[in-house]
Amino acid sequence: MSLKFSFYCCENEKEWDYFVENKSMNGTFLQTRKFINYHPQKRFKDCSLCVRKGNELVAVILACEIEDDGKRTFFAHKGSTFGGITVAENIYTATLINELVEGMCIFYMKMDLKKFI
């Protein structure tokens, strides 16, 4: 599928929220930036991802970085009730989900994150 991963930046906020609310199959208000931004800006070290196929946003990953057992750790965001990958309706096969998760892990490992929670 050839997915491109990039860190979320505030310029993506409207696109992120539109995707979660209108194009995803499993997104709720808990994965919107509107919701997560109620936390003070420096409370969490955000490491959320935008995932694209070409120019189309096909998944978002709401996440923060924490330290756990002395290791830089991915955490499916501590500021939300529950986490996970929010995906587009056309990302529904096991093969595509596996590619998405594998790509996410490779991206974060390149950023020197050692654990995933």
C-alpha atoms as a PDB file:
ATOM      1  CA  MET A   1       0.000   0.000   0.000  1.00  0.00           C
ATOM      2  CA  SER A   2       3.026   2.277   0.475  1.00  0.00           C
ATOM      3  CA  LEU A   3       2.125   4.361   3.504  1.00  0.00           C
ATOM      4  CA  LYS A   4       3.873   7.564   4.556  1.00  0.00           C
ATOM      5  CA  PHE A   5       4.182   8.378   8.253  1.00  0.00           C
ATOM      6  CA  SER A   6       4.771  11.859   9.645  1.00  0.00           C
ATOM      7  CA  PHE A   7       4.461  13.489  13.042  1.00  0.00           C
ATOM      8  CA  TYR A   8       1.305  15.484  13.668  1.00  0.00           C
ATOM      9  CA  CYS A   9       1.767  19.253  13.639  1.00  0.00           C
ATOM     10  CA  CYS A  10      -0.775  21.940  14.505  1.00  0.00           C
ATOM     11  CA  GLU A  11      -1.219  22.799  10.796  1.00  0.00           C
ATOM     12  CA  ASN A  12      -2.892  19.361  10.462  1.00  0.00           C
ATOM     13  CA  GLU A  13      -5.467  19.978  13.225  1.00  0.00           C
ATOM     14  CA  LYS A  14      -8.526  20.660  11.045  1.00  0.00           C
ATOM     15  CA  GLU A  15      -7.674  17.846   8.633  1.00  0.00           C
ATOM     16  CA  TRP A  16      -7.111  15.462  11.576  1.00  0.00           C
ATOM     17  CA  ASP A  17     -10.426  16.301  13.228  1.00  0.00           C
ATOM     18  CA  TYR A  18     -12.340  16.136   9.930  1.00  0.00           C
ATOM     19  CA  PHE A  19     -10.821  12.715   9.260  1.00  0.00           C
ATOM     20  CA  VAL A  20     -11.694  11.371  12.728  1.00  0.00           C
ATOM     21  CA  GLU A  21     -15.238  12.720  12.673  1.00  0.00           C
ATOM     22  CA  ASN A  22     -16.153  12.059   9.012  1.00  0.00           C
ATOM     23  CA  LYS A  23     -13.866   9.576   7.286  1.00  0.00           C
ATOM     24  CA  SER A  24     -12.732   7.090   9.902  1.00  0.00           C
ATOM     25  CA  MET A  25     -14.513   3.894  10.756  1.00  0.00           C
ATOM     26  CA  ASN A  26     -13.549   3.856  14.437  1.00  0.00           C
ATOM     27  CA  GLY A  27     -12.882   7.438  15.495  1.00  0.00           C
ATOM     28  CA  THR A  28     -14.700   9.198  18.315  1.00  0.00           C
ATOM     29  CA  PHE A  29     -14.412  12.674  19.793  1.00  0.00           C
ATOM     30  CA  LEU A  30     -11.773  11.172  22.128  1.00  0.00           C
ATOM     31  CA  GLN A  31      -9.316  10.987  19.195  1.00  0.00           C
ATOM     32  CA  THR A  32      -9.886  14.560  17.994  1.00  0.00           C
ATOM     33  CA  ARG A  33      -7.344  17.287  18.519  1.00  0.00           C
ATOM     34  CA  LYS A  34     -10.190  19.460  19.853  1.00  0.00           C
ATOM     35  CA  PHE A  35     -10.533  17.001  22.720  1.00  0.00           C
ATOM     36  CA  ILE A  36      -6.868  16.283  23.425  1.00  0.00           C
ATOM     37  CA  ASN A  37      -5.889  19.970  23.214  1.00  0.00           C
ATOM     38  CA  TYR A  38      -7.784  20.775  26.398  1.00  0.00           C
ATOM     39  CA  HIS A  39      -4.667  19.567  28.243  1.00  0.00           C
ATOM     40  CA  PRO A  40      -2.002  22.200  28.878  1.00  0.00           C
ATOM     41  CA  GLN A  41       0.388  22.252  25.917  1.00  0.00           C
ATOM     42  CA  LYS A  42       3.477  21.032  27.793  1.00  0.00           C
ATOM     43  CA  ARG A  43       1.727  18.317  29.846  1.00  0.00           C
ATOM     44  CA  PHE A  44       2.516  15.546  27.348  1.00  0.00           C
ATOM     45  CA  LYS A  45       5.250  15.094  24.781  1.00  0.00           C
ATOM     46  CA  ASP A  46       3.045  14.518  21.766  1.00  0.00           C
ATOM     47  CA  CYS A  47       4.263  11.982  19.215  1.00  0.00           C
ATOM     48  CA  SER A  48       1.028  11.522  17.275  1.00  0.00           C
ATOM     49  CA  LEU A  49       1.235  10.424  13.655  1.00  0.00           C
ATOM     50  CA  CYS A  50      -0.547  11.191  10.417  1.00  0.00           C
ATOM     51  CA  VAL A  51      -0.521   8.283   7.972  1.00  0.00           C
ATOM     52  CA  ARG A  52      -1.017   8.937   4.281  1.00  0.00           C
ATOM     53  CA  LYS A  53      -1.420   6.971   1.122  1.00  0.00           C
ATOM     54  CA  GLY A  54      -0.293   9.473  -1.461  1.00  0.00           C
ATOM     55  CA  ASN A  55      -1.804  12.754  -0.263  1.00  0.00           C
ATOM     56  CA  GLU A  56      -4.836  11.119   1.368  1.00  0.00           C
ATOM     57  CA  LEU A  57      -4.969  10.827   5.143  1.00  0.00           C
ATOM     58  CA  VAL A  58      -5.841   7.161   5.845  1.00  0.00           C
ATOM     59  CA  ALA A  59      -5.038   6.846   9.561  1.00  0.00           C
ATOM     60  CA  VAL A  60      -4.115   8.886  12.615  1.00  0.00           C
ATOM     61  CA  ILE A  61      -2.382   7.683  15.728  1.00  0.00           C
ATOM     62  CA  LEU A  62      -2.957   9.743  18.866  1.00  0.00           C
ATOM     63  CA  ALA A  63       0.121   9.154  21.024  1.00  0.00           C
ATOM     64  CA  CYS A  64       2.525  10.635  23.492  1.00  0.00           C
ATOM     65  CA  GLU A  65       6.027   9.756  24.564  1.00  0.00           C
ATOM     66  CA  ILE A  66       6.730   8.779  28.151  1.00  0.00           C
ATOM     67  CA  GLU A  67       9.679   7.287  29.984  1.00  0.00           C
ATOM     68  CA  ASP A  68       9.070   3.768  31.290  1.00  0.00           C
ATOM     69  CA  ASP A  69      11.801   1.735  32.996  1.00  0.00           C
ATOM     70  CA  GLY A  70      14.322   4.281  31.723  1.00  0.00           C
ATOM     71  CA  LYS A  71      13.247   3.793  28.098  1.00  0.00           C
ATOM     72  CA  ARG A  72      11.635   6.212  25.682  1.00  0.00           C
ATOM     73  CA  THR A  73       8.184   4.728  25.241  1.00  0.00           C
ATOM     74  CA  PHE A  74       5.257   5.140  22.848  1.00  0.00           C
ATOM     75  CA  PHE A  75       1.997   5.431  24.776  1.00  0.00           C
ATOM     76  CA  ALA A  76      -1.425   5.453  23.107  1.00  0.00           C
ATOM     77  CA  HIS A  77      -2.144   8.859  24.526  1.00  0.00           C
ATOM     78  CA  LYS A  78      -2.324   9.316  28.300  1.00  0.00           C
ATOM     79  CA  GLY A  79      -4.669  12.267  27.846  1.00  0.00           C
ATOM     80  CA  SER A  80      -7.436  10.166  26.308  1.00  0.00           C
ATOM     81  CA  THR A  81      -9.770   7.582  27.782  1.00  0.00           C
ATOM     82  CA  PHE A  82      -8.596   4.934  25.334  1.00  0.00           C
ATOM     83  CA  GLY A  83      -6.145   4.786  22.469  1.00  0.00           C
ATOM     84  CA  GLY A  84      -5.476   2.972  19.286  1.00  0.00           C
ATOM     85  CA  ILE A  85      -5.098   3.605  15.611  1.00  0.00           C
ATOM     86  CA  THR A  86      -7.948   5.494  13.961  1.00  0.00           C
ATOM     87  CA  VAL A  87      -8.364   4.242  10.411  1.00  0.00           C
ATOM     88  CA  ALA A  88     -10.230   5.139   7.239  1.00  0.00           C
ATOM     89  CA  GLU A  89     -13.120   2.982   6.144  1.00  0.00           C
ATOM     90  CA  ASN A  90     -11.018   1.531   3.303  1.00  0.00           C
ATOM     91  CA  ILE A  91      -8.342   0.199   5.708  1.00  0.00           C
ATOM     92  CA  TYR A  92     -10.254  -2.852   6.828  1.00  0.00           C
ATOM     93  CA  THR A  93      -8.302  -5.961   5.908  1.00  0.00           C
ATOM     94  CA  ALA A  94      -5.866  -7.767   8.160  1.00  0.00           C
ATOM     95  CA  THR A  95      -3.136  -7.272   5.539  1.00  0.00           C
ATOM     96  CA  LEU A  96      -3.598  -3.494   5.516  1.00  0.00           C
ATOM     97  CA  ILE A  97      -3.803  -3.247   9.301  1.00  0.00           C
ATOM     98  CA  ASN A  98      -0.618  -5.342   9.602  1.00  0.00           C
ATOM     99  CA  GLU A  99       1.170  -3.033   7.141  1.00  0.00           C
ATOM    100  CA  LEU A 100      -0.023  -0.025   9.121  1.00  0.00           C
ATOM    101  CA  VAL A 101       1.132  -1.404  12.493  1.00  0.00           C
ATOM    102  CA  GLU A 102       4.457  -2.597  11.093  1.00  0.00           C
ATOM    103  CA  GLY A 103       5.101   0.790   9.465  1.00  0.00           C
ATOM    104  CA  MET A 104       4.207   2.585  12.693  1.00  0.00           C
ATOM    105  CA  CYS A 105       6.609   0.432  14.719  1.00  0.00           C
ATOM    106  CA  ILE A 106       9.435   0.966  12.231  1.00  0.00           C
ATOM    107  CA  PHE A 107       8.812   4.739  12.233  1.00  0.00           C
ATOM    108  CA  TYR A 108       8.890   4.966  16.030  1.00  0.00           C
ATOM    109  CA  MET A 109      11.929   2.683  16.356  1.00  0.00           C
ATOM    110  CA  LYS A 110      13.811   4.984  13.964  1.00  0.00           C
ATOM    111  CA  MET A 111      12.930   7.765  16.400  1.00  0.00           C
ATOM    112  CA  ASP A 112      14.579   5.674  19.139  1.00  0.00           C
ATOM    113  CA  LEU A 113      11.414   4.721  21.004  1.00  0.00           C
ATOM    114  CA  LYS A 114      12.072   1.346  22.628  1.00  0.00           C
ATOM    115  CA  LYS A 115       8.721   0.293  24.088  1.00  0.00           C
ATOM    116  CA  PHE A 116       5.083   0.432  23.019  1.00  0.00           C
ATOM    117  CA  ILE A 117       2.142   0.701  25.392  1.00  0.00           C
END
